Amino acid sequence: MSGLFQYLIICPLVFLAGFIDAVAGGGGLVSLPAYMIAGLPVHFAIGTNKLSSGMGTFVATARYAKNGYIPWKQSVFYVVCALLGSNLGARLALRLDDHLFKIIMLIILPLTAVYITRSRALDTEREPLPAMKVLGISMVIAFVIGIYDGFYGPGTGTFLLLLLTAFAHMKLSEANGVAKIINLTTNITTLVVYASNAKVLVPLGITAGLFSMTGNYLGSRFFEKSGAKAAKPIMLVVLTIFCIRIIGELFF
């Protein structure tokens, strides 16, 4: 596929992915397939996607920080855990087959969708936990999801939101801010690993990144107005697409 058509396919879809990612996470479910549809080999698709999505996540993170949704003192620890996890996951991804991992996700995704449908964790504030307990739980989440994002990636923001609200009892706005700072860390770390292995198409990634930044900016503004009312249905759509995609990759 020629270079021009790659840009025409990738850039609009990356814009949409940025919008979705800023509201409820999971933008990689749209952006990563866009690169692969455009004909990029899988590792180049992942590496270049990390560049464009990282640019977009930076914009969303800045907006959430401006609105006071990111607890900076605690986030230092989350960043370190996410950095370690994503570095480990990215190095595993360059060496291992992800077939078994996809089978595991095929079990987890329907259970996650049921949880979103039946739980009110996203709609109501839960009883706050002690600060040290929140810190410890969130550090574990950052490390585990960091491994996942480095190894595979799509749906990272959605999983972070669900885990931070369910187990750390964060308010949705704070969980979204923390999720963005963790996701930005994992994007940058994974990007460095792929770039050091010459798996990033920089001109394409930067151009798509500008579209991602625009989508993330508009998505974060939309979240400020709509909150959980918008996040919950978008999460369900993201998980459904993710499940269909994995079934397609495994069986077709």
Protein backbone atom coordinates (compact mmCIF):
# COMPACT_ATOMS: atom_id res chain seq x y z
CA MET A 1 0.00 0.00 0.00
CA SER A 2 1.39 3.41 -0.98
CA GLY A 3 2.46 5.95 1.60
CA LEU A 4 -0.39 8.39 0.85
CA PHE A 5 -3.09 5.76 1.33
CA GLN A 6 -1.45 4.66 4.60
CA TYR A 7 -1.81 8.21 5.92
CA LEU A 8 -5.42 8.47 4.68
CA ILE A 9 -6.37 5.26 6.47
CA ILE A 10 -4.39 5.73 9.67
CA CYS A 11 -4.81 9.42 10.57
CA PRO A 12 -8.65 9.61 10.81
CA LEU A 13 -8.82 6.35 12.78
CA VAL A 14 -6.06 7.53 15.14
CA PHE A 15 -8.08 10.72 15.74
CA LEU A 16 -11.11 8.59 16.70
CA ALA A 17 -8.90 6.39 18.88
CA GLY A 18 -7.58 9.45 20.71
CA PHE A 19 -11.11 10.65 21.49
CA ILE A 20 -12.16 7.22 22.81
CA ASP A 21 -8.96 6.84 24.82
CA ALA A 22 -9.39 10.18 26.60
CA VAL A 23 -12.94 9.31 27.69
CA ALA A 24 -12.75 5.67 28.68
CA GLY A 25 -9.43 4.17 27.55
CA GLY A 26 -9.07 1.50 24.89
CA GLY A 27 -8.12 3.72 21.96
CA GLY A 28 -5.51 1.16 20.93
CA LEU A 29 -8.36 -1.12 19.84
CA VAL A 30 -8.94 1.35 17.01
CA SER A 31 -5.47 2.75 16.32
CA LEU A 32 -3.43 -0.48 16.30
CA PRO A 33 -5.69 -2.24 13.75
CA ALA A 34 -5.55 0.94 11.64
CA TYR A 35 -1.79 0.54 11.24
CA MET A 36 -2.17 -3.13 10.41
CA ILE A 37 -4.98 -2.51 7.90
CA ALA A 38 -2.65 -0.01 6.22
CA GLY A 39 -0.16 -2.83 5.69
CA LEU A 40 2.46 -2.32 8.42
CA PRO A 41 4.12 -5.47 9.82
CA VAL A 42 2.94 -6.19 13.35
CA HIS A 43 6.01 -4.98 15.27
CA PHE A 44 6.21 -1.78 13.18
CA ALA A 45 2.49 -1.26 13.79
CA ILE A 46 2.92 -1.60 17.55
CA GLY A 47 6.02 0.61 17.69
CA THR A 48 4.61 3.38 15.48
CA ASN A 49 1.29 3.24 17.34
CA LYS A 50 3.13 3.82 20.62
CA LEU A 51 4.61 7.03 19.17
CA SER A 52 1.28 8.47 17.99
CA SER A 53 -0.75 7.32 20.98
CA GLY A 54 1.92 8.59 23.37
CA MET A 55 1.63 12.06 21.85
CA GLY A 56 -2.14 11.96 22.29
CA THR A 57 -1.98 10.62 25.83
CA PHE A 58 0.36 13.48 26.74
CA VAL A 59 -2.36 15.99 25.80
CA ALA A 60 -5.06 14.18 27.79
CA THR A 61 -2.70 13.83 30.76
CA ALA A 62 -1.98 17.57 30.69
CA ARG A 63 -5.69 18.42 30.69
CA TYR A 64 -6.46 16.06 33.57
CA ALA A 65 -3.50 17.49 35.49
CA LYS A 66 -4.79 21.01 34.87
CA ASN A 67 -8.15 20.01 36.36
CA GLY A 68 -6.48 18.56 39.48
CA TYR A 69 -7.26 14.90 38.75
CA ILE A 70 -3.68 13.65 39.20
CA PRO A 71 -2.22 13.17 42.74
CA TRP A 72 1.39 13.96 41.86
CA LYS A 73 3.13 12.69 45.02
CA GLN A 74 1.60 9.23 44.73
CA SER A 75 1.94 9.19 40.95
CA VAL A 76 5.74 9.11 41.23
CA PHE A 77 5.43 5.57 42.62
CA TYR A 78 2.88 4.58 39.97
CA VAL A 79 5.19 5.82 37.23
CA VAL A 80 8.12 3.76 38.52
CA CYS A 81 5.98 0.58 38.70
CA ALA A 82 4.50 1.22 35.25
CA LEU A 83 7.99 1.82 33.82
CA LEU A 84 9.31 -1.47 35.19
CA GLY A 85 6.25 -3.43 34.07
CA SER A 86 6.04 -2.02 30.53
CA ASN A 87 9.77 -2.49 29.95
CA LEU A 88 9.43 -6.15 30.93
CA GLY A 89 6.29 -6.60 28.81
CA ALA A 90 7.80 -4.98 25.70
CA ARG A 91 10.88 -7.16 25.85
CA LEU A 92 8.71 -10.27 26.23
CA ALA A 93 6.60 -9.19 23.24
CA LEU A 94 9.63 -9.09 20.98
CA ARG A 95 10.48 -12.68 21.91
CA LEU A 96 7.28 -14.58 22.69
CA ASP A 97 4.16 -15.76 20.85
CA ASP A 98 1.03 -14.06 22.21
CA HIS A 99 -1.38 -16.94 21.36
CA LEU A 100 -1.76 -18.15 24.97
CA PHE A 101 -2.13 -14.58 26.17
CA LYS A 102 -5.05 -14.02 23.77
CA ILE A 103 -6.81 -17.15 25.05
CA ILE A 104 -6.53 -15.81 28.61
CA MET A 105 -7.96 -12.44 27.48
CA LEU A 106 -10.89 -14.25 25.84
CA ILE A 107 -11.85 -15.48 29.31
CA ILE A 108 -11.23 -12.18 31.08
CA LEU A 109 -13.10 -9.88 28.66
CA PRO A 110 -16.64 -11.27 29.07
CA LEU A 111 -16.20 -11.26 32.85
CA THR A 112 -15.08 -7.63 32.67
CA ALA A 113 -18.12 -6.68 30.59
CA VAL A 114 -20.43 -8.36 33.13
CA TYR A 115 -18.70 -6.43 35.92
CA ILE A 116 -19.21 -3.09 34.13
CA THR A 117 -22.87 -3.88 33.48
CA ARG A 118 -23.72 -4.95 37.02
CA SER A 119 -21.38 -2.83 39.11
CA ARG A 120 -22.09 0.75 40.15
CA ALA A 121 -18.43 1.53 40.88
CA LEU A 122 -18.28 3.95 37.95
CA ASP A 123 -21.56 5.65 38.82
CA THR A 124 -21.13 6.24 42.54
CA GLU A 125 -18.27 7.10 44.85
CA ARG A 126 -17.07 4.18 46.94
CA GLU A 127 -15.94 4.39 50.55
CA PRO A 128 -12.35 5.74 50.53
CA LEU A 129 -9.55 3.42 51.60
CA PRO A 130 -6.58 4.41 53.81
CA ALA A 131 -4.01 6.36 51.80
CA MET A 132 -1.25 3.74 52.14
CA LYS A 133 -3.60 0.97 51.03
CA VAL A 134 -4.61 3.00 47.96
CA LEU A 135 -0.93 3.57 47.19
CA GLY A 136 0.00 -0.12 47.51
CA ILE A 137 -2.94 -1.41 45.47
CA SER A 138 -2.41 1.19 42.75
CA MET A 139 1.31 0.38 42.50
CA VAL A 140 0.50 -3.30 41.91
CA ILE A 141 -2.09 -2.32 39.28
CA ALA A 142 0.43 -0.02 37.55
CA PHE A 143 3.04 -2.80 37.40
CA VAL A 144 0.68 -5.54 36.16
CA ILE A 145 -1.06 -3.38 33.56
CA GLY A 146 2.37 -2.02 32.59
CA ILE A 147 3.41 -5.57 31.65
CA TYR A 148 0.18 -5.99 29.70
CA ASP A 149 0.59 -2.70 27.82
CA GLY A 150 4.19 -3.45 26.93
CA PHE A 151 3.34 -6.97 25.79
CA TYR A 152 0.03 -6.44 23.99
CA GLY A 153 -1.59 -3.09 24.83
CA PRO A 154 -5.15 -2.55 23.51
CA GLY A 155 -7.67 -1.71 26.25
CA THR A 156 -5.00 -0.61 28.75
CA GLY A 157 -6.79 2.59 29.76
CA THR A 158 -10.09 0.77 30.22
CA PHE A 159 -8.54 -1.89 32.46
CA LEU A 160 -6.77 0.78 34.50
CA LEU A 161 -10.03 2.67 35.08
CA LEU A 162 -11.86 -0.49 36.14
CA LEU A 163 -9.13 -1.71 38.49
CA LEU A 164 -8.46 1.67 40.10
CA THR A 165 -12.14 2.28 40.82
CA ALA A 166 -12.88 -1.32 41.88
CA PHE A 167 -9.87 -2.09 44.07
CA ALA A 168 -8.32 1.27 45.02
CA HIS A 169 -11.78 2.90 45.40
CA MET A 170 -10.72 5.98 43.45
CA LYS A 171 -13.30 8.42 42.14
CA LEU A 172 -13.68 8.10 38.38
CA SER A 173 -12.13 11.51 37.69
CA GLU A 174 -9.04 10.71 39.78
CA ALA A 175 -8.83 7.19 38.34
CA ASN A 176 -8.86 8.65 34.83
CA GLY A 177 -6.07 11.07 35.74
CA VAL A 178 -3.94 8.33 37.32
CA ALA A 179 -4.68 6.02 34.37
CA LYS A 180 -3.40 8.67 31.97
CA ILE A 181 -0.11 9.21 33.82
CA ILE A 182 0.43 5.42 33.98
CA ASN A 183 -0.50 4.97 30.34
CA LEU A 184 1.80 7.79 29.26
CA THR A 185 4.65 6.08 31.12
CA THR A 186 3.98 2.69 29.53
CA ASN A 187 3.70 4.27 26.07
CA ILE A 188 7.05 6.04 26.39
CA THR A 189 8.83 3.01 27.85
CA THR A 190 7.50 0.64 25.20
CA LEU A 191 8.30 3.17 22.48
CA VAL A 192 11.93 3.33 23.62
CA VAL A 193 12.22 -0.47 23.46
CA TYR A 194 10.72 -0.65 19.95
CA ALA A 195 12.69 2.36 18.71
CA SER A 196 15.94 0.82 19.95
CA ASN A 197 15.06 -2.22 17.83
CA ALA A 198 14.29 0.00 14.77
CA LYS A 199 10.57 -0.83 14.78
CA VAL A 200 9.16 2.74 14.60
CA LEU A 201 8.25 4.70 11.43
CA VAL A 202 8.88 8.17 12.81
CA PRO A 203 7.35 10.45 10.09
CA LEU A 204 4.13 8.42 10.02
CA GLY A 205 4.00 8.20 13.81
CA ILE A 206 4.44 11.95 14.31
CA THR A 207 1.84 12.84 11.68
CA ALA A 208 -0.69 10.40 13.16
CA GLY A 209 0.29 11.68 16.59
CA LEU A 210 -1.00 15.16 15.72
CA PHE A 211 -4.39 13.61 14.94
CA SER A 212 -4.21 11.64 18.19
CA MET A 213 -3.47 14.82 20.14
CA THR A 214 -6.54 16.51 18.65
CA GLY A 215 -8.75 13.52 19.45
CA ASN A 216 -7.45 13.30 23.02
CA TYR A 217 -7.99 17.02 23.59
CA LEU A 218 -11.62 16.87 22.43
CA GLY A 219 -12.21 13.59 24.30
CA SER A 220 -10.89 14.95 27.59
CA ARG A 221 -13.16 18.00 27.26
CA PHE A 222 -16.09 15.68 26.57
CA PHE A 223 -15.27 13.65 29.71
CA GLU A 224 -15.21 16.81 31.84
CA LYS A 225 -18.84 17.43 30.85
CA SER A 226 -20.18 13.86 30.77
CA GLY A 227 -18.08 11.78 33.20
CA ALA A 228 -19.30 8.23 33.99
CA LYS A 229 -22.42 8.70 31.88
CA ALA A 230 -20.22 8.64 28.78
CA ALA A 231 -17.42 6.38 30.04
CA LYS A 232 -19.50 3.30 30.87
CA PRO A 233 -21.12 2.63 27.45
CA ILE A 234 -17.86 3.44 25.64
CA MET A 235 -16.05 0.90 27.85
CA LEU A 236 -18.60 -1.78 26.91
CA VAL A 237 -18.17 -0.99 23.20
CA VAL A 238 -14.38 -1.13 23.56
CA LEU A 239 -14.49 -4.51 25.32
CA THR A 240 -16.91 -5.92 22.72
CA ILE A 241 -14.65 -4.84 19.85
CA PHE A 242 -11.64 -6.24 21.69
CA CYS A 243 -13.36 -9.61 22.22
CA ILE A 244 -14.43 -9.85 18.56
CA ARG A 245 -10.93 -8.96 17.45
CA ILE A 246 -9.29 -11.64 19.59
CA ILE A 247 -11.78 -14.29 18.40
CA GLY A 248 -10.96 -13.29 14.82
CA GLU A 249 -7.22 -13.51 15.41
CA LEU A 250 -7.44 -16.88 17.16
CA PHE A 251 -9.90 -18.71 14.93
CA PHE A 252 -9.93 -16.95 11.55
